[in-house]
Amino acid sequence: TKAELIEYVTELTQSSQKEFYRPNFWPNTPDINPFPLQGGN
């Protein structure tokens, strides 16, 4: 959701995490078939 995305990216980029945590965003992996993509258009 919009709120979830804003809250999470704000945490990654505005808290102390920005100094040491370099995020790598993956929509899927072999281990993760996320619910929104299951049957997704």
Full PDB file with SEQRES, HELIX, SHEET, SSBOND, CRYST1, ORIGX, SCALE, CONECT and MASTER records, all heavy atoms in Angstrom:
SEQRES   1 A   41  THR LYS ALA GLU LEU ILE GLU TYR VAL THR GLU LEU THR          
SEQRES   2 A   41  GLN SER SER GLN LYS GLU PHE TYR ARG PRO ASN PHE TRP          
SEQRES   3 A   41  PRO ASN THR PRO ASP ILE ASN PRO PHE PRO LEU GLN GLY          
SEQRES   4 A   41  GLY ASN                                                      
HELIX    1 AA1 LYS A    2  GLN A   14  1                                  13    
HELIX    2 AA2 SER A   16  GLU A   19  5                                   4    
HELIX    3 AA3 PHE A   35  LEU A   37  5                                   3    
CRYST1    1.000    1.000    1.000  90.00  90.00  90.00 P 1           1          
ORIGX1      1.000000  0.000000  0.000000        0.00000                         
ORIGX2      0.000000  1.000000  0.000000        0.00000                         
ORIGX3      0.000000  0.000000  1.000000        0.00000                         
SCALE1      1.000000  0.000000  0.000000        0.00000                         
SCALE2      0.000000  1.000000  0.000000        0.00000                         
SCALE3      0.000000  0.000000  1.000000        0.00000                         
ATOM      1  N   THR A   1       0.830  -1.200   0.000  1.00  0.00           N  
ATOM      2  CA  THR A   1       0.000   0.000   0.000  1.00  0.00           C  
ATOM      3  C   THR A   1       0.866   1.253   0.000  1.00  0.00           C  
ATOM      4  O   THR A   1       2.066   1.207   0.293  1.00  0.00           O  
ATOM      5  CB  THR A   1      -0.919   0.040   1.227  1.00  0.00           C  
ATOM      6  OG1 THR A   1      -0.116   0.248   2.408  1.00  0.00           O  
ATOM      7  CG2 THR A   1      -1.726  -1.246   1.368  1.00  0.00           C  
ATOM      8  N   LYS A   2       0.243   2.351  -0.333  1.00  0.00           N  
ATOM      9  CA  LYS A   2       0.954   3.634  -0.340  1.00  0.00           C  
ATOM     10  C   LYS A   2       1.552   3.924   1.034  1.00  0.00           C  
ATOM     11  O   LYS A   2       2.733   4.297   1.151  1.00  0.00           O  
ATOM     12  CB  LYS A   2      -0.006   4.741  -0.759  1.00  0.00           C  
ATOM     13  CG  LYS A   2       0.573   6.133  -0.768  1.00  0.00           C  
ATOM     14  CD  LYS A   2      -0.484   7.128  -1.235  1.00  0.00           C  
ATOM     15  CE  LYS A   2       0.025   8.563  -1.214  1.00  0.00           C  
ATOM     16  NZ  LYS A   2      -0.992   9.505  -1.729  1.00  0.00           N  
ATOM     17  N   ALA A   3       0.762   3.744   2.078  1.00  0.00           N  
ATOM     18  CA  ALA A   3       1.242   4.036   3.435  1.00  0.00           C  
ATOM     19  C   ALA A   3       2.409   3.130   3.803  1.00  0.00           C  
ATOM     20  O   ALA A   3       3.396   3.579   4.400  1.00  0.00           O  
ATOM     21  CB  ALA A   3       0.098   3.882   4.443  1.00  0.00           C  
ATOM     22  N   GLU A   4       2.320   1.849   3.459  1.00  0.00           N  
ATOM     23  CA  GLU A   4       3.404   0.908   3.783  1.00  0.00           C  
ATOM     24  C   GLU A   4       4.694   1.280   3.060  1.00  0.00           C  
ATOM     25  O   GLU A   4       5.778   1.256   3.646  1.00  0.00           O  
ATOM     26  CB  GLU A   4       2.987  -0.507   3.387  1.00  0.00           C  
ATOM     27  CG  GLU A   4       1.916  -1.119   4.275  1.00  0.00           C  
ATOM     28  CD  GLU A   4       1.385  -2.432   3.731  1.00  0.00           C  
ATOM     29  OE1 GLU A   4       1.594  -2.720   2.527  1.00  0.00           O  
ATOM     30  OE2 GLU A   4       0.754  -3.176   4.496  1.00  0.00           O  
ATOM     31  N   LEU A   5       4.577   1.624   1.800  1.00  0.00           N  
ATOM     32  CA  LEU A   5       5.763   1.975   1.023  1.00  0.00           C  
ATOM     33  C   LEU A   5       6.422   3.240   1.557  1.00  0.00           C  
ATOM     34  O   LEU A   5       7.649   3.296   1.720  1.00  0.00           O  
ATOM     35  CB  LEU A   5       5.379   2.156  -0.446  1.00  0.00           C  
ATOM     36  CG  LEU A   5       5.069   0.869  -1.213  1.00  0.00           C  
ATOM     37  CD1 LEU A   5       4.349   1.185  -2.519  1.00  0.00           C  
ATOM     38  CD2 LEU A   5       6.345   0.083  -1.489  1.00  0.00           C  
ATOM     39  N   ILE A   6       5.622   4.261   1.835  1.00  0.00           N  
ATOM     40  CA  ILE A   6       6.188   5.521   2.327  1.00  0.00           C  
ATOM     41  C   ILE A   6       6.848   5.313   3.684  1.00  0.00           C  
ATOM     42  O   ILE A   6       7.969   5.787   3.929  1.00  0.00           O  
ATOM     43  CB  ILE A   6       5.101   6.611   2.400  1.00  0.00           C  
ATOM     44  CG1 ILE A   6       4.662   7.003   0.988  1.00  0.00           C  
ATOM     45  CG2 ILE A   6       5.612   7.838   3.161  1.00  0.00           C  
ATOM     46  CD1 ILE A   6       3.520   7.996   0.944  1.00  0.00           C  
ATOM     47  N   GLU A   7       6.166   4.600   4.570  1.00  0.00           N  
ATOM     48  CA  GLU A   7       6.727   4.372   5.908  1.00  0.00           C  
ATOM     49  C   GLU A   7       8.049   3.608   5.826  1.00  0.00           C  
ATOM     50  O   GLU A   7       9.037   3.975   6.474  1.00  0.00           O  
ATOM     51  CB  GLU A   7       5.732   3.585   6.761  1.00  0.00           C  
ATOM     52  CG  GLU A   7       6.245   3.289   8.164  1.00  0.00           C  
ATOM     53  CD  GLU A   7       5.287   2.435   8.969  1.00  0.00           C  
ATOM     54  OE1 GLU A   7       4.626   1.550   8.375  1.00  0.00           O  
ATOM     55  OE2 GLU A   7       5.208   2.639  10.192  1.00  0.00           O  
ATOM     56  N   TYR A   8       8.097   2.562   4.983  1.00  0.00           N  
ATOM     57  CA  TYR A   8       9.294   1.734   4.928  1.00  0.00           C  
ATOM     58  C   TYR A   8      10.461   2.469   4.274  1.00  0.00           C  
ATOM     59  O   TYR A   8      11.588   2.449   4.786  1.00  0.00           O  
ATOM     60  CB  TYR A   8       8.996   0.435   4.183  1.00  0.00           C  
ATOM     61  CG  TYR A   8      10.149  -0.540   4.209  1.00  0.00           C  
ATOM     62  CD1 TYR A   8      10.781  -0.856   5.411  1.00  0.00           C  
ATOM     63  CD2 TYR A   8      10.609  -1.149   3.045  1.00  0.00           C  
ATOM     64  CE1 TYR A   8      11.838  -1.749   5.453  1.00  0.00           C  
ATOM     65  CE2 TYR A   8      11.661  -2.048   3.087  1.00  0.00           C  
ATOM     66  CZ  TYR A   8      12.276  -2.345   4.290  1.00  0.00           C  
ATOM     67  OH  TYR A   8      13.327  -3.217   4.330  1.00  0.00           O  
ATOM     68  N   VAL A   9      10.213   3.126   3.154  1.00  0.00           N  
ATOM     69  CA  VAL A   9      11.308   3.829   2.477  1.00  0.00           C  
ATOM     70  C   VAL A   9      11.784   5.003   3.326  1.00  0.00           C  
ATOM     71  O   VAL A   9      12.989   5.306   3.357  1.00  0.00           O  
ATOM     72  CB  VAL A   9      10.864   4.291   1.074  1.00  0.00           C  
ATOM     73  CG1 VAL A   9      11.944   5.144   0.423  1.00  0.00           C  
ATOM     74  CG2 VAL A   9      10.565   3.074   0.199  1.00  0.00           C  
ATOM     75  N   THR A  10      10.888   5.660   4.024  1.00  0.00           N  
ATOM     76  CA  THR A  10      11.301   6.742   4.925  1.00  0.00           C  
ATOM     77  C   THR A  10      12.215   6.207   6.025  1.00  0.00           C  
ATOM     78  O   THR A  10      13.230   6.831   6.368  1.00  0.00           O  
ATOM     79  CB  THR A  10      10.069   7.428   5.546  1.00  0.00           C  
ATOM     80  OG1 THR A  10       9.275   7.998   4.495  1.00  0.00           O  
ATOM     81  CG2 THR A  10      10.481   8.525   6.517  1.00  0.00           C  
ATOM     82  N   GLU A  11      11.884   5.049   6.565  1.00  0.00           N  
ATOM     83  CA  GLU A  11      12.754   4.428   7.578  1.00  0.00           C  
ATOM     84  C   GLU A  11      14.140   4.142   7.008  1.00  0.00           C  
ATOM     85  O   GLU A  11      15.165   4.427   7.645  1.00  0.00           O  
ATOM     86  CB  GLU A  11      12.115   3.131   8.062  1.00  0.00           C  
ATOM     87  CG  GLU A  11      12.978   2.339   9.039  1.00  0.00           C  
ATOM     88  CD  GLU A  11      12.420   0.959   9.330  1.00  0.00           C  
ATOM     89  OE1 GLU A  11      11.195   0.764   9.189  1.00  0.00           O  
ATOM     90  OE2 GLU A  11      13.213   0.064   9.667  1.00  0.00           O  
ATOM     91  N   LEU A  12      14.204   3.610   5.805  1.00  0.00           N  
ATOM     92  CA  LEU A  12      15.488   3.259   5.196  1.00  0.00           C  
ATOM     93  C   LEU A  12      16.331   4.481   4.867  1.00  0.00           C  
ATOM     94  O   LEU A  12      17.565   4.427   4.922  1.00  0.00           O  
ATOM     95  CB  LEU A  12      15.255   2.455   3.913  1.00  0.00           C  
ATOM     96  CG  LEU A  12      14.727   1.031   4.060  1.00  0.00           C  
ATOM     97  CD1 LEU A  12      14.348   0.471   2.697  1.00  0.00           C  
ATOM     98  CD2 LEU A  12      15.755   0.130   4.730  1.00  0.00           C  
ATOM     99  N   THR A  13      15.677   5.596   4.520  1.00  0.00           N  
ATOM    100  CA  THR A  13      16.409   6.747   3.986  1.00  0.00           C  
ATOM    101  C   THR A  13      16.548   7.916   4.948  1.00  0.00           C  
ATOM    102  O   THR A  13      17.372   8.804   4.705  1.00  0.00           O  
ATOM    103  CB  THR A  13      15.728   7.257   2.701  1.00  0.00           C  
ATOM    104  OG1 THR A  13      14.385   7.686   3.010  1.00  0.00           O  
ATOM    105  CG2 THR A  13      15.672   6.174   1.637  1.00  0.00           C  
ATOM    106  N   GLN A  14      15.771   7.938   6.015  1.00  0.00           N  
ATOM    107  CA  GLN A  14      15.804   9.086   6.915  1.00  0.00           C  
ATOM    108  C   GLN A  14      16.285   8.748   8.318  1.00  0.00           C  
ATOM    109  O   GLN A  14      16.622   9.639   9.091  1.00  0.00           O  
ATOM    110  CB  GLN A  14      14.402   9.737   7.010  1.00  0.00           C  
ATOM    111  CG  GLN A  14      13.824  10.143   5.664  1.00  0.00           C  
ATOM    112  CD  GLN A  14      14.701  11.100   4.888  1.00  0.00           C  
ATOM    113  OE1 GLN A  14      15.248  12.039   5.454  1.00  0.00           O  
ATOM    114  NE2 GLN A  14      14.846  10.872   3.590  1.00  0.00           N  
ATOM    115  N   SER A  15      16.327   7.474   8.674  1.00  0.00           N  
ATOM    116  CA  SER A  15      16.831   7.074   9.991  1.00  0.00           C  
ATOM    117  C   SER A  15      18.327   6.787   9.880  1.00  0.00           C  
ATOM    118  O   SER A  15      18.945   6.953   8.826  1.00  0.00           O  
ATOM    119  CB  SER A  15      16.089   5.829  10.482  1.00  0.00           C  
ATOM    120  OG  SER A  15      16.501   4.687   9.753  1.00  0.00           O  
ATOM    121  N   SER A  16      18.914   6.317  10.967  1.00  0.00           N  
ATOM    122  CA  SER A  16      20.350   5.986  10.946  1.00  0.00           C  
ATOM    123  C   SER A  16      20.670   4.870   9.963  1.00  0.00           C  
ATOM    124  O   SER A  16      21.835   4.680   9.596  1.00  0.00           O  
ATOM    125  CB  SER A  16      20.813   5.584  12.354  1.00  0.00           C  
ATOM    126  OG  SER A  16      20.135   4.407  12.783  1.00  0.00           O  
ATOM    127  N   GLN A  17      19.650   4.131   9.507  1.00  0.00           N  
ATOM    128  CA  GLN A  17      19.899   3.063   8.540  1.00  0.00           C  
ATOM    129  C   GLN A  17      20.555   3.584   7.268  1.00  0.00           C  
ATOM    130  O   GLN A  17      21.299   2.861   6.602  1.00  0.00           O  
ATOM    131  CB  GLN A  17      18.594   2.349   8.184  1.00  0.00           C  
ATOM    132  CG  GLN A  17      18.131   1.349   9.235  1.00  0.00           C  
ATOM    133  CD  GLN A  17      16.879   0.617   8.787  1.00  0.00           C  
ATOM    134  OE1 GLN A  17      15.778   1.125   8.926  1.00  0.00           O  
ATOM    135  NE2 GLN A  17      17.045  -0.567   8.251  1.00  0.00           N  
ATOM    136  N   LYS A  18      20.293   4.817   6.916  1.00  0.00           N  
ATOM    137  CA  LYS A  18      20.850   5.361   5.673  1.00  0.00           C  
ATOM    138  C   LYS A  18      22.373   5.385   5.697  1.00  0.00           C  
ATOM    139  O   LYS A  18      23.019   5.453   4.650  1.00  0.00           O  
ATOM    140  CB  LYS A  18      20.321   6.772   5.423  1.00  0.00           C  
ATOM    141  CG  LYS A  18      20.824   7.820   6.405  1.00  0.00           C  
ATOM    142  CD  LYS A  18      20.249   9.191   6.107  1.00  0.00           C  
ATOM    143  CE  LYS A  18      20.760  10.239   7.078  1.00  0.00           C  
ATOM    144  NZ  LYS A  18      20.205  11.587   6.806  1.00  0.00           N  
ATOM    145  N   GLU A  19      22.974   5.325   6.884  1.00  0.00           N  
ATOM    146  CA  GLU A  19      24.426   5.392   6.999  1.00  0.00           C  
ATOM    147  C   GLU A  19      25.107   4.042   6.786  1.00  0.00           C  
ATOM    148  O   GLU A  19      26.318   4.000   6.553  1.00  0.00           O  
ATOM    149  CB  GLU A  19      24.824   5.935   8.380  1.00  0.00           C  
ATOM    150  CG  GLU A  19      24.234   7.297   8.734  1.00  0.00           C  
ATOM    151  CD  GLU A  19      24.774   8.424   7.870  1.00  0.00           C  
ATOM    152  OE1 GLU A  19      25.729   8.188   7.101  1.00  0.00           O  
ATOM    153  OE2 GLU A  19      24.237   9.541   7.950  1.00  0.00           O  
ATOM    154  N   PHE A  20      24.345   2.936   6.863  1.00  0.00           N  
ATOM    155  CA  PHE A  20      25.022   1.631   6.794  1.00  0.00           C  
ATOM    156  C   PHE A  20      24.246   0.567   6.027  1.00  0.00           C  
ATOM    157  O   PHE A  20      24.829  -0.435   5.613  1.00  0.00           O  
ATOM    158  CB  PHE A  20      25.300   1.104   8.211  1.00  0.00           C  
ATOM    159  CG  PHE A  20      24.056   0.776   9.013  1.00  0.00           C  
ATOM    160  CD1 PHE A  20      23.505  -0.486   8.984  1.00  0.00           C  
ATOM    161  CD2 PHE A  20      23.457   1.747   9.809  1.00  0.00           C  
ATOM    162  CE1 PHE A  20      22.361  -0.782   9.719  1.00  0.00           C  
ATOM    163  CE2 PHE A  20      22.315   1.466  10.551  1.00  0.00           C  
ATOM    164  CZ  PHE A  20      21.773   0.195  10.502  1.00  0.00           C  
ATOM    165  N   TYR A  21      22.948   0.771   5.796  1.00  0.00           N  
ATOM    166  CA  TYR A  21      22.107  -0.277   5.204  1.00  0.00           C  
ATOM    167  C   TYR A  21      21.780   0.113   3.768  1.00  0.00           C  
ATOM    168  O   TYR A  21      21.041   1.067   3.524  1.00  0.00           O  
ATOM    169  CB  TYR A  21      20.820  -0.426   6.022  1.00  0.00           C  
ATOM    170  CG  TYR A  21      20.045  -1.692   5.769  1.00  0.00           C  
ATOM    171  CD1 TYR A  21      20.189  -2.783   6.616  1.00  0.00           C  
ATOM    172  CD2 TYR A  21      19.156  -1.799   4.707  1.00  0.00           C  
ATOM    173  CE1 TYR A  21      19.471  -3.950   6.405  1.00  0.00           C  
ATOM    174  CE2 TYR A  21      18.436  -2.959   4.490  1.00  0.00           C  
ATOM    175  CZ  TYR A  21      18.589  -4.028   5.340  1.00  0.00           C  
ATOM    176  OH  TYR A  21      17.883  -5.192   5.132  1.00  0.00           O  
ATOM    177  N   ARG A  22      22.361  -0.626   2.802  1.00  0.00           N  
ATOM    178  CA  ARG A  22      22.082  -0.340   1.392  1.00  0.00           C  
ATOM    179  C   ARG A  22      21.030  -1.339   0.909  1.00  0.00           C  
ATOM    180  O   ARG A  22      21.339  -2.506   0.654  1.00  0.00           O  
ATOM    181  CB  ARG A  22      23.346  -0.452   0.549  1.00  0.00           C  
ATOM    182  CG  ARG A  22      24.413   0.574   0.888  1.00  0.00           C  
ATOM    183  CD  ARG A  22      25.446   0.636  -0.230  1.00  0.00           C  
ATOM    184  NE  ARG A  22      26.588   1.460   0.143  1.00  0.00           N  
ATOM    185  CZ  ARG A  22      27.775   0.990   0.514  1.00  0.00           C  
ATOM    186  NH1 ARG A  22      27.956  -0.329   0.571  1.00  0.00           N  
ATOM    187  NH2 ARG A  22      28.758   1.798   0.814  1.00  0.00           N  
ATOM    188  N   PRO A  23      19.796  -0.904   0.734  1.00  0.00           N  
ATOM    189  CA  PRO A  23      18.730  -1.843   0.362  1.00  0.00           C  
ATOM    190  C   PRO A  23      18.823  -2.291  -1.088  1.00  0.00           C  
ATOM    191  O   PRO A  23      19.239  -1.537  -1.965  1.00  0.00           O  
ATOM    192  CB  PRO A  23      17.456  -1.022   0.601  1.00  0.00           C  
ATOM    193  CG  PRO A  23      17.883   0.410   0.450  1.00  0.00           C  
ATOM    194  CD  PRO A  23      19.295   0.464   0.964  1.00  0.00           C  
ATOM    195  N   ASN A  24      18.419  -3.526  -1.317  1.00  0.00           N  
ATOM    196  CA  ASN A  24      18.295  -4.069  -2.661  1.00  0.00           C  
ATOM    197  C   ASN A  24      16.867  -4.607  -2.769  1.00  0.00           C  
ATOM    198  O   ASN A  24      16.504  -5.548  -2.068  1.00  0.00           O  
ATOM    199  CB  ASN A  24      19.325  -5.176  -2.904  1.00  0.00           C  
ATOM    200  CG  ASN A  24      19.495  -5.517  -4.369  1.00  0.00           C  
ATOM    201  OD1 ASN A  24      18.541  -5.484  -5.138  1.00  0.00           O  
ATOM    202  ND2 ASN A  24      20.712  -5.859  -4.762  1.00  0.00           N  
ATOM    203  N   PHE A  25      16.060  -3.988  -3.625  1.00  0.00           N  
ATOM    204  CA  PHE A  25      14.632  -4.305  -3.713  1.00  0.00           C  
ATOM    205  C   PHE A  25      14.388  -5.387  -4.768  1.00  0.00           C  
ATOM    206  O   PHE A  25      14.702  -5.197  -5.941  1.00  0.00           O  
ATOM    207  CB  PHE A  25      13.830  -3.057  -4.085  1.00  0.00           C  
ATOM    208  CG  PHE A  25      13.570  -2.112  -2.943  1.00  0.00           C  
ATOM    209  CD1 PHE A  25      14.150  -2.297  -1.697  1.00  0.00           C  
ATOM    210  CD2 PHE A  25      12.719  -1.014  -3.111  1.00  0.00           C  
ATOM    211  CE1 PHE A  25      13.911  -1.421  -0.643  1.00  0.00           C  
ATOM    212  CE2 PHE A  25      12.470  -0.141  -2.067  1.00  0.00           C  
ATOM    213  CZ  PHE A  25      13.062  -0.339  -0.834  1.00  0.00           C  
ATOM    214  N   TRP A  26      13.799  -6.501  -4.336  1.00  0.00           N  
ATOM    215  CA  TRP A  26      13.464  -7.611  -5.222  1.00  0.00           C  
ATOM    216  C   TRP A  26      11.955  -7.859  -5.169  1.00  0.00           C  
ATOM    217  O   TRP A  26      11.423  -8.204  -4.110  1.00  0.00           O  
ATOM    218  CB  TRP A  26      14.195  -8.883  -4.791  1.00  0.00           C  
ATOM    219  CG  TRP A  26      15.666  -8.875  -5.073  1.00  0.00           C  
ATOM    220  CD1 TRP A  26      16.601  -8.067  -4.506  1.00  0.00           C  
ATOM    221  CD2 TRP A  26      16.370  -9.710  -5.995  1.00  0.00           C  
ATOM    222  NE1 TRP A  26      17.842  -8.332  -5.018  1.00  0.00           N  
ATOM    223  CE2 TRP A  26      17.732  -9.350  -5.937  1.00  0.00           C  
ATOM    224  CE3 TRP A  26      15.977 -10.734  -6.864  1.00  0.00           C  
ATOM    225  CZ2 TRP A  26      18.705  -9.979  -6.712  1.00  0.00           C  
ATOM    226  CZ3 TRP A  26      16.951 -11.356  -7.633  1.00  0.00           C  
ATOM    227  CH2 TRP A  26      18.294 -10.983  -7.557  1.00  0.00           C  
ATOM    228  N   PRO A  27      11.246  -7.724  -6.289  1.00  0.00           N  
ATOM    229  CA  PRO A  27       9.813  -8.055  -6.292  1.00  0.00           C  
ATOM    230  C   PRO A  27       9.541  -9.543  -6.087  1.00  0.00           C  
ATOM    231  O   PRO A  27       8.477  -9.920  -5.603  1.00  0.00           O  
ATOM    232  CB  PRO A  27       9.343  -7.606  -7.680  1.00  0.00           C  
ATOM    233  CG  PRO A  27      10.361  -6.614  -8.140  1.00  0.00           C  
ATOM    234  CD  PRO A  27      11.660  -7.085  -7.549  1.00  0.00           C  
ATOM    235  N   ASN A  28      10.484 -10.396  -6.495  1.00  0.00           N  
ATOM    236  CA  ASN A  28      10.322 -11.843  -6.303  1.00  0.00           C  
ATOM    237  C   ASN A  28      11.687 -12.492  -6.172  1.00  0.00           C  
ATOM    238  O   ASN A  28      12.711 -11.894  -6.533  1.00  0.00           O  
ATOM    239  CB  ASN A  28       9.548 -12.467  -7.461  1.00  0.00           C  
ATOM    240  CG  ASN A  28      10.401 -12.607  -8.723  1.00  0.00           C  
ATOM    241  OD1 ASN A  28      11.249 -11.761  -9.003  1.00  0.00           O  
ATOM    242  ND2 ASN A  28      10.178 -13.662  -9.493  1.00  0.00           N  
ATOM    243  N   THR A  29      11.730 -13.696  -5.626  1.00  0.00           N  
ATOM    244  CA  THR A  29      12.937 -14.523  -5.581  1.00  0.00           C  
ATOM    245  C   THR A  29      12.482 -15.977  -5.751  1.00  0.00           C  
ATOM    246  O   THR A  29      11.284 -16.268  -5.662  1.00  0.00           O  
ATOM    247  CB  THR A  29      13.705 -14.390  -4.242  1.00  0.00           C  
ATOM    248  OG1 THR A  29      13.015 -15.140  -3.231  1.00  0.00           O  
ATOM    249  CG2 THR A  29      13.845 -12.935  -3.810  1.00  0.00           C  
ATOM    250  N   PRO A  30      13.397 -16.916  -5.963  1.00  0.00           N  
ATOM    251  CA  PRO A  30      12.961 -18.325  -6.042  1.00  0.00           C  
ATOM    252  C   PRO A  30      12.260 -18.800  -4.778  1.00  0.00           C  
ATOM    253  O   PRO A  30      11.460 -19.742  -4.830  1.00  0.00           O  
ATOM    254  CB  PRO A  30      14.279 -19.081  -6.267  1.00  0.00           C  
ATOM    255  CG  PRO A  30      15.160 -18.096  -6.945  1.00  0.00           C  
ATOM    256  CD  PRO A  30      14.828 -16.772  -6.310  1.00  0.00           C  
ATOM    257  N   ASP A  31      12.550 -18.156  -3.650  1.00  0.00           N  
ATOM    258  CA  ASP A  31      11.922 -18.541  -2.384  1.00  0.00           C  
ATOM    259  C   ASP A  31      10.608 -17.809  -2.127  1.00  0.00           C  
ATOM    260  O   ASP A  31       9.850 -18.214  -1.245  1.00  0.00           O  
ATOM    261  CB  ASP A  31      12.870 -18.236  -1.215  1.00  0.00           C  
ATOM    262  CG  ASP A  31      14.088 -19.132  -1.214  1.00  0.00           C  
ATOM    263  OD1 ASP A  31      13.910 -20.357  -1.213  1.00  0.00           O  
ATOM    264  OD2 ASP A  31      15.214 -18.605  -1.221  1.00  0.00           O  
ATOM    265  N   ILE A  32      10.358 -16.728  -2.854  1.00  0.00           N  
ATOM    266  CA  ILE A  32       9.214 -15.876  -2.530  1.00  0.00           C  
ATOM    267  C   ILE A  32       8.389 -15.607  -3.784  1.00  0.00           C  
ATOM    268  O   ILE A  32       8.820 -14.901  -4.692  1.00  0.00           O  
ATOM    269  CB  ILE A  32       9.657 -14.535  -1.914  1.00  0.00           C  
ATOM    270  CG1 ILE A  32      10.568 -14.771  -0.710  1.00  0.00           C  
ATOM    271  CG2 ILE A  32       8.447 -13.711  -1.506  1.00  0.00           C  
ATOM    272  CD1 ILE A  32      11.294 -13.527  -0.245  1.00  0.00           C  
ATOM    273  N   ASN A  33       7.212 -16.186  -3.814  1.00  0.00           N  
ATOM    274  CA  ASN A  33       6.207 -15.929  -4.842  1.00  0.00           C  
ATOM    275  C   ASN A  33       5.130 -15.072  -4.182  1.00  0.00           C  
ATOM    276  O   ASN A  33       4.141 -15.588  -3.665  1.00  0.00           O  
ATOM    277  CB  ASN A  33       5.635 -17.255  -5.351  1.00  0.00           C  
ATOM    278  CG  ASN A  33       4.568 -17.076  -6.411  1.00  0.00           C  
ATOM    279  OD1 ASN A  33       4.411 -15.992  -6.973  1.00  0.00           O  
ATOM    280  ND2 ASN A  33       3.819 -18.144  -6.695  1.00  0.00           N  
ATOM    281  N   PRO A  34       5.308 -13.755  -4.149  1.00  0.00           N  
ATOM    282  CA  PRO A  34       4.434 -12.899  -3.325  1.00  0.00           C  
ATOM    283  C   PRO A  34       2.984 -12.917  -3.791  1.00  0.00           C  
ATOM    284  O   PRO A  34       2.704 -13.028  -4.996  1.00  0.00           O  
ATOM    285  CB  PRO A  34       5.062 -11.514  -3.476  1.00  0.00           C  
ATOM    286  CG  PRO A  34       5.854 -11.573  -4.717  1.00  0.00           C  
ATOM    287  CD  PRO A  34       6.313 -12.983  -4.877  1.00  0.00           C  
ATOM    288  N   PHE A  35       2.076 -12.795  -2.834  1.00  0.00           N  
ATOM    289  CA  PHE A  35       0.650 -12.910  -3.127  1.00  0.00           C  
ATOM    290  C   PHE A  35       0.179 -11.953  -4.220  1.00  0.00           C  
ATOM    291  O   PHE A  35      -0.599 -12.349  -5.093  1.00  0.00           O  
ATOM    292  CB  PHE A  35      -0.172 -12.707  -1.856  1.00  0.00           C  
ATOM    293  CG  PHE A  35       0.048 -13.788  -0.827  1.00  0.00           C  
ATOM    294  CD1 PHE A  35       0.398 -13.472   0.472  1.00  0.00           C  
ATOM    295  CD2 PHE A  35      -0.086 -15.136  -1.163  1.00  0.00           C  
ATOM    296  CE1 PHE A  35       0.609 -14.462   1.425  1.00  0.00           C  
ATOM    297  CE2 PHE A  35       0.122 -16.137  -0.224  1.00  0.00           C  
ATOM    298  CZ  PHE A  35       0.472 -15.798   1.078  1.00  0.00           C  
ATOM    299  N   PRO A  36       0.601 -10.673  -4.247  1.00  0.00           N  
ATOM    300  CA  PRO A  36       0.097  -9.781  -5.298  1.00  0.00           C  
ATOM    301  C   PRO A  36       0.462 -10.228  -6.710  1.00  0.00           C  
ATOM    302  O   PRO A  36      -0.239  -9.885  -7.670  1.00  0.00           O  
ATOM    303  CB  PRO A  36       0.766  -8.436  -4.969  1.00  0.00           C  
ATOM    304  CG  PRO A  36       1.052  -8.495  -3.512  1.00  0.00           C  
ATOM    305  CD  PRO A  36       1.416  -9.929  -3.261  1.00  0.00           C  
ATOM    306  N   LEU A  37       1.557 -10.988  -6.863  1.00  0.00           N  
ATOM    307  CA  LEU A  37       1.968 -11.438  -8.191  1.00  0.00           C  
ATOM    308  C   LEU A  37       1.317 -12.756  -8.590  1.00  0.00           C  
ATOM    309  O   LEU A  37       1.349 -13.133  -9.768  1.00  0.00           O  
ATOM    310  CB  LEU A  37       3.484 -11.574  -8.268  1.00  0.00           C  
ATOM    311  CG  LEU A  37       4.309 -10.294  -8.103  1.00  0.00           C  
ATOM    312  CD1 LEU A  37       5.790 -10.585  -8.316  1.00  0.00           C  
ATOM    313  CD2 LEU A  37       3.845  -9.204  -9.067  1.00  0.00           C  
ATOM    314  N   GLN A  38       0.746 -13.485  -7.625  1.00  0.00           N  
ATOM    315  CA  GLN A  38       0.136 -14.775  -7.935  1.00  0.00           C  
ATOM    316  C   GLN A  38      -1.113 -14.549  -8.788  1.00  0.00           C  
ATOM    317  O   GLN A  38      -2.099 -13.992  -8.331  1.00  0.00           O  
ATOM    318  CB  GLN A  38      -0.209 -15.525  -6.651  1.00  0.00           C  
ATOM    319  CG  GLN A  38       1.019 -15.959  -5.872  1.00  0.00           C  
ATOM    320  CD  GLN A  38       0.687 -16.711  -4.595  1.00  0.00           C  
ATOM    321  OE1 GLN A  38      -0.451 -17.141  -4.382  1.00  0.00           O  
ATOM    322  NE2 GLN A  38       1.690 -16.888  -3.733  1.00  0.00           N  
ATOM    323  N   GLY A  39      -1.018 -14.968 -10.045  1.00  0.00           N  
ATOM    324  CA  GLY A  39      -2.112 -14.707 -10.978  1.00  0.00           C  
ATOM    325  C   GLY A  39      -2.186 -13.262 -11.411  1.00  0.00           C  
ATOM    326  O   GLY A  39      -3.162 -12.845 -12.038  1.00  0.00           O  
ATOM    327  N   GLY A  40      -1.147 -12.496 -11.095  1.00  0.00           N  
ATOM    328  CA  GLY A  40      -1.165 -11.064 -11.373  1.00  0.00           C  
ATOM    329  C   GLY A  40      -1.044 -10.747 -12.854  1.00  0.00           C  
ATOM    330  O   GLY A  40      -0.367 -11.443 -13.603  1.00  0.00           O  
ATOM    331  N   ASN A  41      -1.688  -9.651 -13.250  1.00  0.00           N  
ATOM    332  CA  ASN A  41      -1.644  -9.238 -14.644  1.00  0.00           C  
ATOM    333  C   ASN A  41      -0.347  -8.485 -14.947  1.00  0.00           C  
ATOM    334  O   ASN A  41       0.508  -8.298 -14.076  1.00  0.00           O  
ATOM    335  CB  ASN A  41      -2.878  -8.396 -14.994  1.00  0.00           C  
ATOM    336  CG  ASN A  41      -2.978  -7.128 -14.138  1.00  0.00           C  
ATOM    337  OD1 ASN A  41      -1.997  -6.692 -13.531  1.00  0.00           O  
ATOM    338  ND2 ASN A  41      -4.160  -6.542 -14.087  1.00  0.00           N  
TER     339      ASN A  41                                                      
MASTER        0    0    0    3    0    0    0    6  338    1    0    4          
END                                                                             
